[in-house]
Amino acid sequence: MSVMLFAAGCSSNDNDAEQGSESPLQETEEETSGTGQDYEGDGGLLWKVVHGETTMYVQGTIHLGHEDFYPLAPEIEKAYESSDVVLPEINMFEAEVNEEEINEMALFEGDTNLDDVLSEEAYAKLSDLFEENEMAIENYEDFEPWFIGMLLGEFSHKESDLAPEYGVDLYFLQRSLEDNKEIVELETIELQYDVLSGNSMKTQVEMLESTLENFEETGSSLDELGYDWIHGDKDGLVDQLSEGFGSFDEEYQLGLNDNRNINMANKLDEILQRDDGQTYFVIIGSAHVVIEPSVLSELEKDGYEIERVY
């Protein structure tokens, strides 16, 4: 279930995106594997905030997508086109990962390894999944569960109709580069890794073992996430994402969602208060706009009127 939350929560730069690469609209049409889901829709989850002469659109996204998503609803496309500045969680085209720092966060301390913390059943299933993906579990014994969970997220894409190269964030970031729009990050890749690595070992193990236990359903769950997103089913997204958070202790939701939402809302408040007359287009994972306390509810607490556009 944690894979679902990553798809609608944390961004990632693991999609091998390169500056100047073609956008989804420029891709040559290909036949998709298809699971019967209808991904032709308009998208949804767009809100508008106005303060003085400044307009801010907040678009809830998912970090995976399908080629049939595009173009999105006219209201969403126009909101992007009208913007001067695009505000993603992270700019995946410029996010530089320091491998030494990541290893410092991701590696167990002392003599502990994965075999020590996972159940025998979970470890065996993890080993099988690594083998199926032509990787050896022995090469990852020293990495903590949160990092292994990220690798499983990459495996899960193969079981789904959705793919990172069609992610909604990537779609808008690519266009921003082509249109020479200013891009300002709300977070950093280091912060997101800090969030994931900051969970207790108990929570990390629970997350990984839950993902392993439900791995066979991950592909269909991601497909359902994409379906709900493209058809603007906010209630469906809330149900799926809330179920994921409900599986773990409060520490998990606090770090992955709540604290980050408050921090992002504070940054958006600062921009709105500057009232520089520009139009801003915010692209953040859907979990940050539908799971309370959300970025939107925090802005409402600050006195802003939030209008649902689409």
Protein backbone atom coordinates (compact mmCIF):
# COMPACT_ATOMS: atom_id res chain seq x y z
CA MET A 1 0.00 0.00 0.00
CA SER A 2 2.93 2.35 0.57
CA VAL A 3 3.61 2.23 -3.18
CA MET A 4 0.22 3.87 -3.71
CA LEU A 5 1.07 6.66 -1.31
CA PHE A 6 4.39 7.29 -3.04
CA ALA A 7 2.54 7.54 -6.36
CA ALA A 8 0.34 10.32 -4.98
CA GLY A 9 2.62 11.78 -2.33
CA CYS A 10 6.39 11.93 -2.72
CA SER A 11 7.84 12.94 -6.06
CA SER A 12 10.78 11.05 -7.49
CA ASN A 13 13.62 11.62 -9.89
CA ASP A 14 14.00 7.93 -10.69
CA ASN A 15 12.25 8.20 -14.05
CA ASP A 16 15.46 8.98 -15.94
CA ALA A 17 13.85 12.18 -17.19
CA GLU A 18 16.20 14.37 -19.17
CA GLN A 19 15.85 18.06 -19.86
CA GLY A 20 14.56 18.60 -23.35
CA SER A 21 13.03 15.14 -23.68
CA GLU A 22 9.70 14.83 -25.46
CA SER A 23 6.51 15.49 -23.54
CA PRO A 24 3.69 12.93 -23.44
CA LEU A 25 1.82 14.91 -26.09
CA GLN A 26 4.79 14.53 -28.43
CA GLU A 27 5.21 10.79 -27.95
CA THR A 28 4.44 8.51 -30.87
CA GLU A 29 1.20 6.70 -30.13
CA GLU A 30 1.73 3.09 -29.15
CA GLU A 31 -0.62 0.27 -28.33
CA THR A 32 -0.83 -0.14 -24.55
CA SER A 33 -1.16 -3.42 -22.73
CA GLY A 34 -4.47 -2.30 -21.23
CA THR A 35 -6.43 -3.82 -18.41
CA GLY A 36 -9.82 -2.56 -19.48
CA GLN A 37 -9.55 0.72 -17.56
CA ASP A 38 -10.73 3.83 -19.37
CA TYR A 39 -7.98 6.43 -19.00
CA GLU A 40 -9.52 8.92 -21.39
CA GLY A 41 -10.78 11.72 -19.18
CA ASP A 42 -10.14 15.30 -18.27
CA GLY A 43 -8.28 14.98 -15.00
CA GLY A 44 -9.34 16.85 -11.92
CA LEU A 45 -8.42 18.28 -8.53
CA LEU A 46 -7.73 21.89 -9.49
CA TRP A 47 -8.26 24.75 -7.03
CA LYS A 48 -7.78 28.50 -7.24
CA VAL A 49 -6.69 31.03 -4.62
CA VAL A 50 -6.66 34.78 -5.24
CA HIS A 51 -4.99 37.34 -3.00
CA GLY A 52 -4.90 40.93 -4.21
CA GLU A 53 -3.38 40.88 -7.68
CA THR A 54 -1.90 37.40 -7.28
CA THR A 55 -3.56 34.21 -8.53
CA MET A 56 -2.50 30.73 -7.47
CA TYR A 57 -3.76 27.47 -8.95
CA VAL A 58 -3.21 24.28 -6.95
CA GLN A 59 -3.26 21.09 -9.02
CA GLY A 60 -3.35 17.73 -7.27
CA THR A 61 -1.36 15.24 -9.34
CA ILE A 62 -0.17 11.66 -9.44
CA HIS A 63 3.46 10.90 -10.17
CA LEU A 64 2.59 8.09 -12.60
CA GLY A 65 0.28 8.38 -15.59
CA HIS A 66 -1.03 7.05 -18.87
CA GLU A 67 -0.69 8.44 -22.38
CA ASP A 68 -4.49 8.67 -22.68
CA PHE A 69 -4.54 11.25 -19.88
CA TYR A 70 -3.49 14.04 -22.24
CA PRO A 71 -4.50 16.70 -22.96
CA LEU A 72 -6.11 17.39 -19.60
CA ALA A 73 -9.30 19.37 -18.96
CA PRO A 74 -9.36 22.76 -20.73
CA GLU A 75 -9.61 24.46 -17.32
CA ILE A 76 -6.39 22.78 -16.18
CA GLU A 77 -4.54 23.46 -19.43
CA LYS A 78 -5.60 27.12 -19.32
CA ALA A 79 -4.52 27.45 -15.69
CA TYR A 80 -1.07 26.19 -16.59
CA GLU A 81 -0.85 28.38 -19.71
CA SER A 82 -1.78 31.50 -17.71
CA SER A 83 0.93 30.89 -15.11
CA ASP A 84 4.20 32.75 -14.77
CA VAL A 85 5.73 30.40 -12.20
CA VAL A 86 5.37 26.64 -11.75
CA LEU A 87 5.78 25.22 -8.23
CA PRO A 88 6.43 21.44 -8.05
CA GLU A 89 7.34 19.45 -4.96
CA ILE A 90 10.77 18.98 -6.54
CA ASN A 91 12.17 19.81 -9.96
CA MET A 92 13.11 16.31 -11.07
CA PHE A 93 15.19 17.71 -13.93
CA GLU A 94 17.56 19.40 -11.51
CA ALA A 95 17.33 17.16 -8.45
CA GLU A 96 20.85 15.89 -7.84
CA VAL A 97 21.17 12.93 -5.54
CA ASN A 98 24.36 12.69 -3.51
CA GLU A 99 24.96 8.94 -3.40
CA GLU A 100 27.22 9.21 -0.38
CA GLU A 101 24.54 11.06 1.60
CA ILE A 102 21.83 8.63 0.48
CA ASN A 103 23.95 5.65 1.50
CA GLU A 104 24.50 7.25 4.87
CA MET A 105 20.72 7.47 5.34
CA ALA A 106 19.85 4.14 3.70
CA LEU A 107 22.40 1.75 5.20
CA PHE A 108 21.85 -0.07 8.48
CA GLU A 109 24.11 0.85 11.36
CA GLY A 110 26.27 -1.84 12.88
CA ASP A 111 25.81 -5.48 11.91
CA THR A 112 22.02 -5.36 11.37
CA ASN A 113 20.69 -6.36 7.96
CA LEU A 114 17.35 -7.04 6.22
CA ASP A 115 17.33 -10.69 7.21
CA ASP A 116 17.42 -9.62 10.86
CA VAL A 117 14.38 -7.33 10.75
CA LEU A 118 12.02 -8.99 8.25
CA SER A 119 9.95 -12.07 8.87
CA GLU A 120 11.14 -15.24 7.18
CA GLU A 121 8.13 -15.17 4.84
CA ALA A 122 8.63 -11.52 3.87
CA TYR A 123 12.34 -12.00 3.24
CA ALA A 124 11.69 -15.02 1.02
CA LYS A 125 9.10 -13.11 -1.02
CA LEU A 126 11.44 -10.12 -1.33
CA SER A 127 14.21 -12.42 -2.55
CA ASP A 128 11.88 -13.88 -5.19
CA LEU A 129 10.85 -10.41 -6.40
CA PHE A 130 14.46 -9.34 -6.70
CA GLU A 131 15.25 -12.48 -8.68
CA GLU A 132 12.29 -11.88 -11.00
CA ASN A 133 13.73 -8.42 -11.68
CA GLU A 134 17.21 -9.82 -12.30
CA MET A 135 18.62 -8.44 -9.07
CA ALA A 136 20.28 -10.25 -6.18
CA ILE A 137 18.96 -9.67 -2.67
CA GLU A 138 22.46 -10.25 -1.35
CA ASN A 139 23.54 -6.93 -2.87
CA TYR A 140 20.91 -5.07 -0.81
CA GLU A 141 21.17 -6.81 2.55
CA ASP A 142 22.62 -3.72 4.21
CA PHE A 143 19.89 -1.31 3.07
CA GLU A 144 17.07 -0.28 5.39
CA PRO A 145 13.44 -1.21 4.59
CA TRP A 146 12.43 2.30 3.43
CA PHE A 147 14.98 2.16 0.61
CA ILE A 148 13.95 -1.35 -0.41
CA GLY A 149 10.35 -0.12 -0.51
CA MET A 150 11.37 2.49 -3.09
CA LEU A 151 12.86 -0.25 -5.25
CA LEU A 152 9.61 -2.22 -5.01
CA GLY A 153 7.83 0.90 -6.24
CA GLU A 154 9.92 0.67 -9.41
CA PHE A 155 9.07 -3.04 -9.77
CA SER A 156 5.35 -2.30 -9.41
CA HIS A 157 5.29 -0.08 -12.50
CA LYS A 158 5.72 -3.22 -14.60
CA GLU A 159 2.45 -4.58 -13.21
CA SER A 160 0.45 -1.44 -14.01
CA ASP A 161 -0.82 0.47 -17.04
CA LEU A 162 0.68 3.60 -15.47
CA ALA A 163 4.28 4.70 -15.98
CA PRO A 164 6.55 7.48 -14.67
CA GLU A 165 7.15 8.91 -18.14
CA TYR A 166 3.46 9.86 -18.28
CA GLY A 167 3.38 11.29 -14.75
CA VAL A 168 1.38 14.50 -14.41
CA ASP A 169 4.21 16.36 -12.66
CA LEU A 170 6.61 15.42 -15.44
CA TYR A 171 4.09 16.52 -18.06
CA PHE A 172 3.91 20.03 -16.64
CA LEU A 173 7.63 20.28 -15.86
CA GLN A 174 8.55 19.35 -19.42
CA ARG A 175 6.17 21.96 -20.75
CA SER A 176 7.56 24.52 -18.30
CA LEU A 177 11.03 24.03 -19.74
CA GLU A 178 9.75 24.32 -23.30
CA ASP A 179 7.80 27.47 -22.40
CA ASN A 180 10.67 28.99 -20.38
CA LYS A 181 8.53 29.34 -17.28
CA GLU A 182 10.17 29.91 -13.92
CA ILE A 183 10.26 26.75 -11.78
CA VAL A 184 10.50 27.03 -7.99
CA GLU A 185 10.68 23.89 -5.82
CA LEU A 186 8.55 23.62 -2.70
CA GLU A 187 10.76 20.86 -1.27
CA THR A 188 14.09 19.16 -1.98
CA ILE A 189 14.90 15.57 -2.82
CA GLU A 190 17.00 15.45 0.37
CA LEU A 191 13.98 16.43 2.45
CA GLN A 192 11.87 13.68 0.90
CA TYR A 193 14.55 11.09 1.62
CA ASP A 194 14.81 12.43 5.15
CA VAL A 195 11.08 11.87 5.59
CA LEU A 196 11.26 8.26 4.42
CA SER A 197 14.41 7.40 6.36
CA GLY A 198 13.15 9.17 9.49
CA ASN A 199 10.51 6.56 10.27
CA SER A 200 11.25 4.16 13.11
CA MET A 201 12.51 0.71 12.17
CA LYS A 202 9.19 -0.74 13.35
CA THR A 203 7.27 1.47 10.92
CA GLN A 204 9.72 0.81 8.10
CA VAL A 205 9.35 -2.93 8.55
CA GLU A 206 5.56 -2.69 8.69
CA MET A 207 5.55 -0.62 5.49
CA LEU A 208 7.78 -3.03 3.61
CA GLU A 209 6.04 -6.18 4.80
CA SER A 210 2.64 -4.69 3.93
CA THR A 211 3.89 -3.84 0.45
CA LEU A 212 5.23 -7.37 0.01
CA GLU A 213 2.03 -8.94 1.30
CA ASN A 214 -0.09 -6.97 -1.17
CA PHE A 215 2.37 -6.81 -4.05
CA GLU A 216 0.25 -8.89 -6.43
CA GLU A 217 -2.56 -6.33 -6.12
CA THR A 218 -0.29 -3.30 -6.53
CA GLY A 219 -0.65 -3.08 -10.30
CA SER A 220 -4.46 -3.08 -10.23
CA SER A 221 -4.45 -0.63 -7.30
CA LEU A 222 -2.26 1.78 -9.23
CA ASP A 223 -4.56 1.41 -12.24
CA GLU A 224 -7.52 2.28 -10.02
CA LEU A 225 -5.61 5.29 -8.68
CA GLY A 226 -5.04 6.49 -12.25
CA TYR A 227 -8.69 5.90 -13.13
CA ASP A 228 -9.95 7.84 -10.12
CA TRP A 229 -7.54 10.69 -10.80
CA ILE A 230 -8.31 11.15 -14.49
CA HIS A 231 -12.05 11.04 -13.79
CA GLY A 232 -11.79 13.52 -10.91
CA ASP A 233 -13.08 11.06 -8.30
CA LYS A 234 -11.88 12.79 -5.14
CA ASP A 235 -13.79 10.42 -2.85
CA GLY A 236 -12.21 7.41 -4.54
CA LEU A 237 -8.73 8.88 -4.07
CA VAL A 238 -9.44 9.67 -0.41
CA ASP A 239 -10.60 6.11 0.20
CA GLN A 240 -7.51 4.57 -1.37
CA LEU A 241 -4.98 6.89 0.22
CA SER A 242 -6.61 6.93 3.64
CA GLU A 243 -6.56 3.15 3.71
CA GLY A 244 -2.81 3.27 3.12
CA PHE A 245 -2.20 5.66 5.98
CA GLY A 246 -4.56 3.77 8.26
CA SER A 247 -2.40 0.66 8.00
CA PHE A 248 0.45 2.22 9.99
CA ASP A 249 0.93 4.28 13.12
CA GLU A 250 0.49 8.06 13.28
CA GLU A 251 4.22 8.62 12.77
CA TYR A 252 3.94 7.55 9.13
CA GLN A 253 1.16 9.96 8.13
CA LEU A 254 2.68 12.75 10.20
CA GLY A 255 5.98 12.56 8.34
CA LEU A 256 4.84 11.68 4.83
CA ASN A 257 1.79 13.95 4.70
CA ASP A 258 0.85 16.22 7.60
CA ASN A 259 4.13 18.00 8.36
CA ARG A 260 4.94 18.40 4.70
CA ASN A 261 1.50 19.86 3.98
CA ILE A 262 1.89 22.44 6.71
CA ASN A 263 5.34 23.42 5.43
CA MET A 264 4.18 23.67 1.82
CA ALA A 265 1.14 25.73 2.82
CA ASN A 266 3.40 28.11 4.73
CA LYS A 267 5.53 28.63 1.62
CA LEU A 268 2.46 29.26 -0.52
CA ASP A 269 1.17 31.71 2.10
CA GLU A 270 4.45 33.64 1.90
CA ILE A 271 4.12 33.87 -1.89
CA LEU A 272 0.51 35.02 -1.70
CA GLN A 273 1.36 37.62 0.92
CA ARG A 274 4.05 39.09 -1.34
CA ASP A 275 1.23 39.81 -3.81
CA ASP A 276 3.59 40.35 -6.75
CA GLY A 277 0.78 40.16 -9.29
CA GLN A 278 2.01 36.94 -10.87
CA THR A 279 0.06 33.74 -11.55
CA TYR A 280 1.36 30.56 -9.91
CA PHE A 281 0.67 26.95 -10.86
CA VAL A 282 1.30 24.50 -8.02
CA ILE A 283 1.71 20.79 -8.86
CA ILE A 284 1.73 18.53 -5.81
CA GLY A 285 0.70 14.91 -5.20
CA SER A 286 -3.01 14.36 -4.70
CA ALA A 287 -2.48 13.11 -1.15
CA HIS A 288 -1.44 16.66 -0.25
CA VAL A 289 -4.77 18.11 -1.34
CA VAL A 290 -7.22 15.40 -0.22
CA ILE A 291 -5.80 14.01 3.04
CA GLU A 292 -6.34 16.23 6.09
CA PRO A 293 -4.63 18.35 7.21
CA SER A 294 -4.18 19.21 3.53
CA VAL A 295 -2.34 22.09 1.92
CA LEU A 296 -5.73 23.56 1.03
CA SER A 297 -7.20 23.27 4.52
CA GLU A 298 -4.08 24.92 5.94
CA LEU A 299 -4.49 27.83 3.53
CA GLU A 300 -8.14 28.10 4.56
CA LYS A 301 -7.01 28.33 8.19
CA ASP A 302 -4.88 31.29 7.12
CA GLY A 303 -8.02 33.01 5.84
CA TYR A 304 -7.82 32.32 2.11
CA GLU A 305 -10.93 31.49 0.11
CA ILE A 306 -10.36 28.30 -1.89
CA GLU A 307 -12.36 27.82 -5.11
CA ARG A 308 -12.66 24.39 -6.74
CA VAL A 309 -12.11 24.93 -10.46
CA TYR A 310 -12.23 21.36 -11.65
